[in-house]
Amino acid sequence: MTVNSRPARPVILGQNQYGKAENRVVKITRDGATHHIKDLNVSVALSGDMEEVHYSGSNANVLPTDTTKNTVYAFAKEHGVESAEQFGIHLARHFVTSQGPIRTARIRIEEYAWERIEASDANSQFIGADEVKHSFVRKGQETRLTQITYDGEKWEVVSGLKDLVVMNSTNSEFWGYVKDKYTTLKEAYDRILATEVSGRWRFSWTDDEQRMPHWEKSYEQVKKHMLQAFAETYSLSLQQTLYHMGSRIINHRSEIDEVRFSLPNKHHFLVDLEPFGLENDNEVYYAADRPYGLIEATILRDGCEARIPVDLTNL
């Protein structure tokens, strides 16, 4: 009879991971007098042979989270930040290939965009307009996102954005819906359609043998097609608009296999001005904060499997 040296346990360890979250790193690249900024928030999560640290407290297989933090900053210097995706790929590959116990690395990155502040004509005569290449203002449109997961063989890259607020002031209707005794909403044949886009898209690139996408160009093009679809769709429902946004990305970007959107309907209700003897001809609206309709869906390339989590808060 073989005696197990480890005592029987009434419970077992399930999925686990650890790392340093929200490492804020700003990388300045100086091209002569012209500066370029990459502003990232990087979170590292590592998993693998970590049973003993949970069972007995042995740290023999544990790379300190402080080390992962230092690696983020060192890699910003050693590798630069060509794109959030490329930076995350460098980090994930390093953690999996340099540490035997680590089987999988997941890198999540938020990127905050900056744009240049242009010099006024008055100042340019003194300092030269071409010399003002080091002053920036933070863009407020959206936060760019990416998540890179690597297990030593396969990659999964899911990128996206959040907090992108868009509006169509017309070309939107909502009518013909189910009505019951609790329905008070009036049918609308000309309404404002506004939403705050939270979207993720998964790349078909999964291994080093494949040609890697051009991450920066891909993001710009995906955002362009997304916004064009929103603007050009005569909308009978936010669901219809969402589908057109996702399908346009799939149809125009061969490197994308899956798109998922979470779109809160930022309701704008016509204000009743009749008590004041005024007619409101789709001119004055009340922008409601909450509650709001929340429309979510995944759009897939035919033949592909959905892998982006249904709840984007878990991504």
Foldseek 3Di string as FASTA:
>chain_A
DDDDPDDDDPDADDDDKDADFFQWDWAWDDPDLAIDIWTKGKTKIWDFPCRCCVVPVDCPQPDDNVVLSVVLHVCCVVVNPLDPVVSQVVSFLCVCVVGPRTQKMKMKMKIWDKDFDFDDPVCCVPVNRVNRNPHIDTDDAWIKIWMWMDRPFWIKIKIWIWQHKDKDLWLEWEDPDDDDPPDDDDGGPTHMWMWTKTKMWIFPGIGPVDDDDPVVVLVVVLVVLLVVLLHPDSYHDVLVSVQSSFVSSVVPPVGTFKMKIKIWGQDWAFDDCVVVVDDCPSPDTDGDDDDTDIDIDMDGDPPDDDDQDRDVVVD
